[in-house]
C-alpha atoms as a PDB file:
ATOM      1  CA  MET A   1      11.683  20.599  -4.685  1.00  0.00           C
ATOM      2  CA  GLY A   2      11.924  22.202  -8.076  1.00  0.00           C
ATOM      3  CA  SER A   3      11.646  25.898  -8.726  1.00  0.00           C
ATOM      4  CA  PHE A   4       8.636  27.052 -10.743  1.00  0.00           C
ATOM      5  CA  THR A   5       7.223  30.402 -11.671  1.00  0.00           C
ATOM      6  CA  VAL A   6       3.922  31.321 -10.035  1.00  0.00           C
ATOM      7  CA  GLU A   7       3.214  34.150 -12.467  1.00  0.00           C
ATOM      8  CA  LYS A   8      -0.349  33.559 -13.652  1.00  0.00           C
ATOM      9  CA  CYS A   9       0.255  35.172 -17.048  1.00  0.00           C
ATOM     10  CA  PRO A  10       3.820  34.271 -18.078  1.00  0.00           C
ATOM     11  CA  GLN A  11       5.167  35.459 -21.414  1.00  0.00           C
ATOM     12  CA  SER A  12       5.275  31.873 -22.622  1.00  0.00           C
ATOM     13  CA  TYR A  13       4.151  28.458 -21.433  1.00  0.00           C
ATOM     14  CA  ASP A  14       6.194  25.288 -21.332  1.00  0.00           C
ATOM     15  CA  GLU A  15       5.472  22.586 -23.876  1.00  0.00           C
ATOM     16  CA  TYR A  16       4.525  19.193 -22.464  1.00  0.00           C
ATOM     17  CA  LYS A  17       7.144  16.576 -23.235  1.00  0.00           C
ATOM     18  CA  LEU A  18       5.862  13.031 -23.471  1.00  0.00           C
ATOM     19  CA  THR A  19       7.903  10.685 -21.273  1.00  0.00           C
ATOM     20  CA  LEU A  20       5.314   7.961 -20.624  1.00  0.00           C
ATOM     21  CA  ASP A  21       5.868   4.403 -21.757  1.00  0.00           C
ATOM     22  CA  GLU A  22       3.243   2.556 -23.771  1.00  0.00           C
ATOM     23  CA  GLN A  23       1.721   0.931 -20.684  1.00  0.00           C
ATOM     24  CA  HIS A  24       1.053   4.306 -19.085  1.00  0.00           C
ATOM     25  CA  LEU A  25      -0.131   5.826 -22.356  1.00  0.00           C
ATOM     26  CA  GLN A  26      -2.730   3.093 -22.596  1.00  0.00           C
ATOM     27  CA  LYS A  27      -3.714   3.584 -18.959  1.00  0.00           C
ATOM     28  CA  VAL A  28      -4.267   7.337 -19.271  1.00  0.00           C
ATOM     29  CA  ARG A  29      -6.344   6.793 -22.400  1.00  0.00           C
ATOM     30  CA  ASN A  30      -8.517   4.070 -20.873  1.00  0.00           C
ATOM     31  CA  GLU A  31      -8.813   5.299 -17.279  1.00  0.00           C
ATOM     32  CA  LEU A  32      -8.257   9.066 -17.381  1.00  0.00           C
ATOM     33  CA  ASN A  33      -9.669  10.011 -20.804  1.00  0.00           C
ATOM     34  CA  GLU A  34      -6.320  11.570 -21.728  1.00  0.00           C
ATOM     35  CA  THR A  35      -5.143  11.812 -25.328  1.00  0.00           C
ATOM     36  CA  ASP A  36      -2.551  13.983 -27.038  1.00  0.00           C
ATOM     37  CA  GLU A  37      -5.328  16.115 -28.481  1.00  0.00           C
ATOM     38  CA  ASN A  38      -7.385  16.762 -25.363  1.00  0.00           C
ATOM     39  CA  ARG A  39      -4.256  17.146 -23.231  1.00  0.00           C
ATOM     40  CA  ALA A  40      -3.101  20.142 -25.251  1.00  0.00           C
ATOM     41  CA  GLN A  41      -6.611  21.588 -25.441  1.00  0.00           C
ATOM     42  CA  SER A  42      -7.293  21.113 -21.726  1.00  0.00           C
ATOM     43  CA  LEU A  43      -3.988  22.674 -20.695  1.00  0.00           C
ATOM     44  CA  ALA A  44      -4.795  25.694 -22.857  1.00  0.00           C
ATOM     45  CA  GLN A  45      -8.238  26.012 -21.268  1.00  0.00           C
ATOM     46  CA  MET A  46      -6.792  25.765 -17.756  1.00  0.00           C
ATOM     47  CA  ARG A  47      -4.218  28.473 -18.497  1.00  0.00           C
ATOM     48  CA  GLU A  48      -6.760  30.809 -20.033  1.00  0.00           C
ATOM     49  CA  TRP A  49      -9.053  30.325 -17.031  1.00  0.00           C
ATOM     50  CA  ILE A  50      -6.204  31.038 -14.571  1.00  0.00           C
ATOM     51  CA  ALA A  51      -5.191  34.167 -16.480  1.00  0.00           C
ATOM     52  CA  LYS A  52      -8.738  35.551 -16.354  1.00  0.00           C
ATOM     53  CA  HIS A  53      -9.624  34.441 -12.810  1.00  0.00           C
ATOM     54  CA  PRO A  54     -10.095  37.610 -10.712  1.00  0.00           C
ATOM     55  CA  HIS A  55      -9.166  35.970  -7.402  1.00  0.00           C
ATOM     56  CA  ILE A  56      -6.119  33.992  -8.493  1.00  0.00           C
ATOM     57  CA  LYS A  57      -3.079  36.221  -8.029  1.00  0.00           C
ATOM     58  CA  LYS A  58      -0.308  33.640  -8.256  1.00  0.00           C
ATOM     59  CA  CYS A  59      -0.364  30.120  -9.631  1.00  0.00           C
ATOM     60  CA  ARG A  60       1.905  27.663 -11.371  1.00  0.00           C
ATOM     61  CA  THR A  61       0.912  27.131 -14.985  1.00  0.00           C
ATOM     62  CA  ASP A  62       3.481  24.531 -16.057  1.00  0.00           C
ATOM     63  CA  SER A  63       2.075  21.425 -17.707  1.00  0.00           C
ATOM     64  CA  ILE A  64       2.975  18.881 -15.036  1.00  0.00           C
ATOM     65  CA  PHE A  65       1.337  20.979 -12.304  1.00  0.00           C
ATOM     66  CA  LEU A  66      -1.931  21.424 -14.196  1.00  0.00           C
ATOM     67  CA  LEU A  67      -1.956  17.743 -15.120  1.00  0.00           C
ATOM     68  CA  ARG A  68      -2.241  16.964 -11.396  1.00  0.00           C
ATOM     69  CA  PHE A  69      -5.785  18.311 -11.479  1.00  0.00           C
ATOM     70  CA  LEU A  70      -6.773  17.188 -14.967  1.00  0.00           C
ATOM     71  CA  ARG A  71      -5.731  13.598 -14.308  1.00  0.00           C
ATOM     72  CA  MET A  72      -7.362  13.531 -10.892  1.00  0.00           C
ATOM     73  CA  ARG A  73     -10.634  14.669 -12.529  1.00  0.00           C
ATOM     74  CA  LYS A  74     -10.252  12.425 -15.593  1.00  0.00           C
ATOM     75  CA  PHE A  75      -9.898  15.435 -17.875  1.00  0.00           C
ATOM     76  CA  SER A  76     -13.110  17.167 -16.917  1.00  0.00           C
ATOM     77  CA  VAL A  77     -11.835  20.743 -17.212  1.00  0.00           C
ATOM     78  CA  PRO A  78     -14.571  22.324 -15.030  1.00  0.00           C
ATOM     79  CA  MET A  79     -13.947  19.793 -12.244  1.00  0.00           C
ATOM     80  CA  ALA A  80     -10.176  20.277 -12.547  1.00  0.00           C
ATOM     81  CA  GLN A  81     -10.683  24.027 -12.224  1.00  0.00           C
ATOM     82  CA  GLU A  82     -12.802  23.510  -9.115  1.00  0.00           C
ATOM     83  CA  SER A  83     -10.099  21.282  -7.609  1.00  0.00           C
ATOM     84  CA  LEU A  84      -7.420  23.870  -8.353  1.00  0.00           C
ATOM     85  CA  GLU A  85      -9.503  26.542  -6.623  1.00  0.00           C
ATOM     86  CA  ARG A  86      -9.826  24.351  -3.522  1.00  0.00           C
ATOM     87  CA  TYR A  87      -6.087  23.657  -3.550  1.00  0.00           C
ATOM     88  CA  LEU A  88      -5.167  27.353  -3.790  1.00  0.00           C
ATOM     89  CA  THR A  89      -7.691  28.213  -1.070  1.00  0.00           C
ATOM     90  CA  ALA A  90      -6.123  25.642   1.252  1.00  0.00           C
ATOM     91  CA  LEU A  91      -2.650  27.089   0.596  1.00  0.00           C
ATOM     92  CA  ARG A  92      -3.877  30.553   1.557  1.00  0.00           C
ATOM     93  CA  SER A  93      -5.993  29.417   4.512  1.00  0.00           C
ATOM     94  CA  PHE A  94      -3.374  27.249   6.238  1.00  0.00           C
ATOM     95  CA  PRO A  95       0.073  28.791   5.719  1.00  0.00           C
ATOM     96  CA  GLN A  96       1.318  26.968   8.815  1.00  0.00           C
ATOM     97  CA  TRP A  97       1.016  23.725   6.856  1.00  0.00           C
ATOM     98  CA  PHE A  98       1.950  24.743   3.337  1.00  0.00           C
ATOM     99  CA  ARG A  99       4.396  27.637   3.519  1.00  0.00           C
ATOM    100  CA  ASN A 100       8.176  27.066   3.302  1.00  0.00           C
ATOM    101  CA  LEU A 101       8.051  23.313   2.796  1.00  0.00           C
ATOM    102  CA  ASP A 102      11.805  22.909   2.637  1.00  0.00           C
ATOM    103  CA  PRO A 103      13.197  19.366   3.089  1.00  0.00           C
ATOM    104  CA  LEU A 104      16.405  20.925   4.438  1.00  0.00           C
ATOM    105  CA  ASP A 105      14.543  22.796   7.194  1.00  0.00           C
ATOM    106  CA  GLY A 106      15.834  21.718  10.612  1.00  0.00           C
ATOM    107  CA  GLU A 107      12.419  20.931  12.096  1.00  0.00           C
ATOM    108  CA  ILE A 108      11.335  18.964   9.039  1.00  0.00           C
ATOM    109  CA  ARG A 109      14.566  16.981   9.016  1.00  0.00           C
ATOM    110  CA  LEU A 110      14.228  16.216  12.744  1.00  0.00           C
ATOM    111  CA  PHE A 111      10.648  15.054  12.319  1.00  0.00           C
ATOM    112  CA  ASN A 112      11.585  13.011   9.277  1.00  0.00           C
ATOM    113  CA  LYS A 113      14.360  11.320  11.254  1.00  0.00           C
ATOM    114  CA  ALA A 114      11.781  10.165  13.811  1.00  0.00           C
ATOM    115  CA  GLY A 115      10.423   7.859  11.108  1.00  0.00           C
ATOM    116  CA  MET A 116       6.712   8.534  11.353  1.00  0.00           C
ATOM    117  CA  LEU A 117       6.212   8.931   7.615  1.00  0.00           C
ATOM    118  CA  THR A 118       8.061   6.902   4.979  1.00  0.00           C
ATOM    119  CA  ASN A 119       7.800   6.710   1.209  1.00  0.00           C
ATOM    120  CA  LEU A 120       8.273   2.991   0.521  1.00  0.00           C
ATOM    121  CA  GLY A 121       8.482   3.362  -3.240  1.00  0.00           C
ATOM    122  CA  ARG A 122       6.147   1.801  -5.808  1.00  0.00           C
ATOM    123  CA  ASP A 123       4.347  -1.509  -5.817  1.00  0.00           C
ATOM    124  CA  THR A 124       4.008  -3.738  -8.883  1.00  0.00           C
ATOM    125  CA  LEU A 125       1.058  -1.630 -10.059  1.00  0.00           C
ATOM    126  CA  GLY A 126       3.191   1.510  -9.993  1.00  0.00           C
ATOM    127  CA  ARG A 127       1.364   2.999  -7.013  1.00  0.00           C
ATOM    128  CA  THR A 128       3.327   5.067  -4.494  1.00  0.00           C
ATOM    129  CA  VAL A 129       3.168   3.323  -1.106  1.00  0.00           C
ATOM    130  CA  VAL A 130       3.318   5.492   2.019  1.00  0.00           C
ATOM    131  CA  LEU A 131       3.774   4.109   5.534  1.00  0.00           C
ATOM    132  CA  LEU A 132       2.596   6.135   8.538  1.00  0.00           C
ATOM    133  CA  ARG A 133       3.799   4.821  11.913  1.00  0.00           C
ATOM    134  CA  ALA A 134       1.835   6.772  14.537  1.00  0.00           C
ATOM    135  CA  ARG A 135       3.795   5.473  17.518  1.00  0.00           C
ATOM    136  CA  ALA A 136       6.949   7.160  16.182  1.00  0.00           C
ATOM    137  CA  PHE A 137       5.315  10.508  16.962  1.00  0.00           C
ATOM    138  CA  ASN A 138       6.597  12.206  20.137  1.00  0.00           C
ATOM    139  CA  PRO A 139       3.756  14.447  21.439  1.00  0.00           C
ATOM    140  CA  GLU A 140       6.138  16.161  23.863  1.00  0.00           C
ATOM    141  CA  ARG A 141       8.386  17.324  21.028  1.00  0.00           C
ATOM    142  CA  PHE A 142       6.185  17.669  17.971  1.00  0.00           C
ATOM    143  CA  THR A 143       2.823  19.221  17.110  1.00  0.00           C
ATOM    144  CA  SER A 144       0.041  18.368  14.693  1.00  0.00           C
ATOM    145  CA  ALA A 145       1.518  20.945  12.313  1.00  0.00           C
ATOM    146  CA  HIS A 146       4.698  18.829  12.051  1.00  0.00           C
ATOM    147  CA  VAL A 147       2.599  15.863  10.913  1.00  0.00           C
ATOM    148  CA  VAL A 148       0.606  17.769   8.312  1.00  0.00           C
ATOM    149  CA  ARG A 149       3.674  19.569   6.956  1.00  0.00           C
ATOM    150  CA  GLN A 150       5.547  16.290   6.553  1.00  0.00           C
ATOM    151  CA  ILE A 151       2.590  14.730   4.726  1.00  0.00           C
ATOM    152  CA  MET A 152       2.234  17.718   2.422  1.00  0.00           C
ATOM    153  CA  LEU A 153       5.981  17.784   1.741  1.00  0.00           C
ATOM    154  CA  LEU A 154       5.946  14.114   0.779  1.00  0.00           C
ATOM    155  CA  LEU A 155       2.967  14.670  -1.507  1.00  0.00           C
ATOM    156  CA  GLU A 156       4.383  17.817  -3.102  1.00  0.00           C
ATOM    157  CA  THR A 157       7.670  16.067  -3.840  1.00  0.00           C
ATOM    158  CA  THR A 158       6.034  13.013  -5.421  1.00  0.00           C
ATOM    159  CA  ILE A 159       2.878  14.280  -7.140  1.00  0.00           C
ATOM    160  CA  ASP A 160       4.834  15.927  -9.960  1.00  0.00           C
ATOM    161  CA  GLU A 161       6.024  12.441 -10.945  1.00  0.00           C
ATOM    162  CA  GLU A 162       3.691  11.314 -13.702  1.00  0.00           C
ATOM    163  CA  GLU A 163       3.584   7.759 -12.353  1.00  0.00           C
ATOM    164  CA  SER A 164       2.177   9.116  -9.074  1.00  0.00           C
ATOM    165  CA  GLN A 165      -0.431  11.204 -10.877  1.00  0.00           C
ATOM    166  CA  ILE A 166      -1.547   8.261 -12.979  1.00  0.00           C
ATOM    167  CA  ASN A 167      -1.197   5.246 -10.678  1.00  0.00           C
ATOM    168  CA  GLY A 168      -2.044   6.948  -7.397  1.00  0.00           C
ATOM    169  CA  TYR A 169      -1.162   6.172  -3.792  1.00  0.00           C
ATOM    170  CA  VAL A 170      -1.550   3.395  -1.236  1.00  0.00           C
ATOM    171  CA  VAL A 171      -1.449   4.418   2.429  1.00  0.00           C
ATOM    172  CA  ILE A 172      -0.632   2.064   5.306  1.00  0.00           C
ATOM    173  CA  ALA A 173      -1.450   3.777   8.604  1.00  0.00           C
ATOM    174  CA  ASP A 174      -0.160   1.821  11.602  1.00  0.00           C
ATOM    175  CA  TYR A 175      -1.749   2.810  14.934  1.00  0.00           C
ATOM    176  CA  GLU A 176      -0.540  -0.152  16.998  1.00  0.00           C
ATOM    177  CA  ALA A 177       0.645   0.634  20.541  1.00  0.00           C
ATOM    178  CA  ILE A 178      -0.129   4.354  20.448  1.00  0.00           C
ATOM    179  CA  SER A 179      -1.041   6.236  23.627  1.00  0.00           C
ATOM    180  CA  LEU A 180      -3.728   8.765  24.489  1.00  0.00           C
ATOM    181  CA  LYS A 181      -1.015  11.434  24.483  1.00  0.00           C
ATOM    182  CA  LEU A 182      -1.178  11.363  20.692  1.00  0.00           C
ATOM    183  CA  LEU A 183      -4.601  12.987  20.862  1.00  0.00           C
ATOM    184  CA  SER A 184      -3.350  15.824  23.051  1.00  0.00           C
ATOM    185  CA  VAL A 185      -1.783  17.653  20.084  1.00  0.00           C
ATOM    186  CA  TRP A 186      -4.849  17.410  17.844  1.00  0.00           C
ATOM    187  CA  SER A 187      -7.915  19.600  18.195  1.00  0.00           C
ATOM    188  CA  LEU A 188     -11.084  18.537  16.399  1.00  0.00           C
ATOM    189  CA  THR A 189     -10.703  21.664  14.241  1.00  0.00           C
ATOM    190  CA  ASP A 190      -7.191  20.567  13.249  1.00  0.00           C
ATOM    191  CA  VAL A 191      -8.452  17.094  12.338  1.00  0.00           C
ATOM    192  CA  SER A 192     -11.286  18.525  10.254  1.00  0.00           C
ATOM    193  CA  ASN A 193      -9.142  21.099   8.427  1.00  0.00           C
ATOM    194  CA  ALA A 194      -6.246  18.720   7.816  1.00  0.00           C
ATOM    195  CA  SER A 195      -8.537  15.969   6.525  1.00  0.00           C
ATOM    196  CA  ASP A 196     -10.380  18.381   4.272  1.00  0.00           C
ATOM    197  CA  SER A 197      -7.086  19.742   2.899  1.00  0.00           C
ATOM    198  CA  LEU A 198      -5.789  16.245   2.225  1.00  0.00           C
ATOM    199  CA  PHE A 199      -8.889  14.489   0.907  1.00  0.00           C
ATOM    200  CA  GLN A 200     -10.813  17.360  -0.687  1.00  0.00           C
ATOM    201  CA  SER A 201      -8.204  19.924  -1.730  1.00  0.00           C
ATOM    202  CA  PHE A 202      -5.026  18.037  -2.653  1.00  0.00           C
ATOM    203  CA  PRO A 203      -5.052  16.510  -6.158  1.00  0.00           C
ATOM    204  CA  LEU A 204      -4.088  12.900  -5.606  1.00  0.00           C
ATOM    205  CA  ARG A 205      -5.587   9.557  -6.534  1.00  0.00           C
ATOM    206  CA  ILE A 206      -5.886   7.443  -3.400  1.00  0.00           C
ATOM    207  CA  GLN A 207      -6.238   3.796  -4.373  1.00  0.00           C
ATOM    208  CA  GLU A 208      -6.127   2.068  -0.986  1.00  0.00           C
ATOM    209  CA  ILE A 209      -5.927   3.043   2.690  1.00  0.00           C
ATOM    210  CA  HIS A 210      -5.079   0.336   5.228  1.00  0.00           C
ATOM    211  CA  ALA A 211      -5.565   1.301   8.882  1.00  0.00           C
ATOM    212  CA  ILE A 212      -3.869  -1.147  11.215  1.00  0.00           C
ATOM    213  CA  GLY A 213      -4.472  -1.530  14.946  1.00  0.00           C
ATOM    214  CA  VAL A 214      -6.821   1.440  15.386  1.00  0.00           C
ATOM    215  CA  PRO A 215      -7.680   1.731  19.122  1.00  0.00           C
ATOM    216  CA  ARG A 216     -11.177   2.535  20.292  1.00  0.00           C
ATOM    217  CA  PHE A 217     -10.173   5.911  21.707  1.00  0.00           C
ATOM    218  CA  LEU A 218      -9.413   7.105  18.156  1.00  0.00           C
ATOM    219  CA  LYS A 219     -12.969   6.463  16.962  1.00  0.00           C
ATOM    220  CA  ILE A 220     -14.121  10.108  17.116  1.00  0.00           C
ATOM    221  CA  VAL A 221     -11.029  11.289  15.251  1.00  0.00           C
ATOM    222  CA  SER A 222     -11.199   8.509  12.673  1.00  0.00           C
ATOM    223  CA  ASP A 223     -14.913   9.074  12.088  1.00  0.00           C
ATOM    224  CA  MET A 224     -14.255  12.760  11.485  1.00  0.00           C
ATOM    225  CA  ALA A 225     -11.461  11.984   9.035  1.00  0.00           C
ATOM    226  CA  LEU A 226     -13.730   9.536   7.196  1.00  0.00           C
ATOM    227  CA  SER A 227     -16.477  12.142   6.961  1.00  0.00           C
ATOM    228  CA  CYS A 228     -14.080  14.386   5.006  1.00  0.00           C
ATOM    229  CA  MET A 229     -13.552  11.686   2.383  1.00  0.00           C
ATOM    230  CA  SER A 230     -15.742  11.119  -0.619  1.00  0.00           C
ATOM    231  CA  GLU A 231     -17.782   7.937  -0.639  1.00  0.00           C
ATOM    232  CA  LYS A 232     -15.461   6.597  -3.327  1.00  0.00           C
ATOM    233  CA  ILE A 233     -12.400   6.961  -1.073  1.00  0.00           C
ATOM    234  CA  ARG A 234     -14.237   5.712   2.035  1.00  0.00           C
ATOM    235  CA  ASN A 235     -14.947   2.495   0.157  1.00  0.00           C
ATOM    236  CA  ARG A 236     -11.187   2.064  -0.301  1.00  0.00           C
ATOM    237  CA  VAL A 237     -10.452   2.199   3.423  1.00  0.00           C
ATOM    238  CA  THR A 238      -9.902  -1.082   5.237  1.00  0.00           C
ATOM    239  CA  VAL A 239      -9.239  -1.632   8.922  1.00  0.00           C
ATOM    240  CA  SER A 240      -7.091  -4.722   9.159  1.00  0.00           C
ATOM    241  CA  ASN A 241      -3.913  -6.352  10.370  1.00  0.00           C
ATOM    242  CA  ILE A 242      -0.725  -6.891   8.414  1.00  0.00           C
ATOM    243  CA  SER A 243      -1.749 -10.373   7.243  1.00  0.00           C
ATOM    244  CA  ARG A 244      -4.657  -8.913   5.253  1.00  0.00           C
ATOM    245  CA  ILE A 245      -2.628  -6.369   3.295  1.00  0.00           C
ATOM    246  CA  SER A 246      -2.103  -7.386  -0.306  1.00  0.00           C
ATOM    247  CA  SER A 247       1.182  -9.057  -1.167  1.00  0.00           C
ATOM    248  CA  LYS A 248       1.871  -6.286  -3.688  1.00  0.00           C
ATOM    249  CA  VAL A 249       1.967  -3.752  -0.865  1.00  0.00           C
ATOM    250  CA  LYS A 250       3.551  -6.045   1.704  1.00  0.00           C
ATOM    251  CA  SER A 251       6.540  -6.650  -0.551  1.00  0.00           C
ATOM    252  CA  LEU A 252       7.540  -3.000  -0.099  1.00  0.00           C
ATOM    253  CA  LEU A 253       7.437  -3.001   3.688  1.00  0.00           C
ATOM    254  CA  PRO A 254      10.800  -2.414   5.421  1.00  0.00           C
ATOM    255  CA  ILE A 255      12.807  -5.616   6.066  1.00  0.00           C
ATOM    256  CA  SER A 256      10.159  -7.462   8.072  1.00  0.00           C
ATOM    257  CA  GLN A 257       6.503  -7.188   8.958  1.00  0.00           C
ATOM    258  CA  SER A 258       7.428  -6.650  12.605  1.00  0.00           C
ATOM    259  CA  CYS A 259       8.168  -3.005  11.887  1.00  0.00           C
ATOM    260  CA  ILE A 260       4.455  -2.274  11.686  1.00  0.00           C
ATOM    261  CA  ALA A 261       3.087  -5.089  13.812  1.00  0.00           C
END
C-alpha cells in the first residue's frame, strides 16, 4: 500500500492528474456528475471542511482518497463529507480490523494463502470481481477478525484505482459445503459491526452481490447483514447457483466453475 500523509492541514495539496480514458470520462460525467470544474471545486471544499473539522485530527487529503467519497456520493459534497466521517469513525472504533493492514504481515499472508478471498480482476464492464469462498475458512485457526481484515486490505489496495471507484465491485460469495463451525467465530455483534463498516462506512460502489449455496443455518446472520445494507444495495443481492451468474462475471472465475460449485 502506498504511503500518504495524514496531516489534515498540509502545507500544500497534490494536484489531480487526469489519467482516465474517454470512456471513463464520459461515464463519470453521465453517472457521477463529475466534471473538471466541479472536481476541483469539490476537492477544495472537502479539504477546507477537513481542516476546520474540530473532531478530525488526522486524515488523508490527497485527491484520489477524497475522490473515493465524492464519486460514491455522485459529487454531493455534504453526503461525501458524511461518508468520510463514518469511515473515520469506523477506523477509530475498530482498530482490530483497520490498524496495521500490511500485506506482508505473517497472519495476513497465512490467511491469504488459505484462499478464502480472491481478487479475480475486472469484468468486461471494468468492475472489480471479488470471490469469497467460505469453506476455505478454518475456524480452528482463524477468527472473524482475520476475515474482516483481509476484506478491508483488499478494498484499501484496490479502491484507490480510479477504475474501481468509477465502475464498482461485483462480489461472488460461495457458501457451498460450509459447516456450523463457521458460525462459532462470529458473534452477532461482530456481524453487525462488520456489515455496518463495510456497507455503510466504506466508500465503494457495489454493483452486484451473488450469494451461492447459502444454507438455512446462516439465515439469521445473512438477514442481519442485509439489514445493514441500503435498499439500493439489497436490490442488487441475488441468491443463486453458478449457472445464473452473468457470463461477464463467470468469465473471470478461476479455471473452471467447479472451484465454487
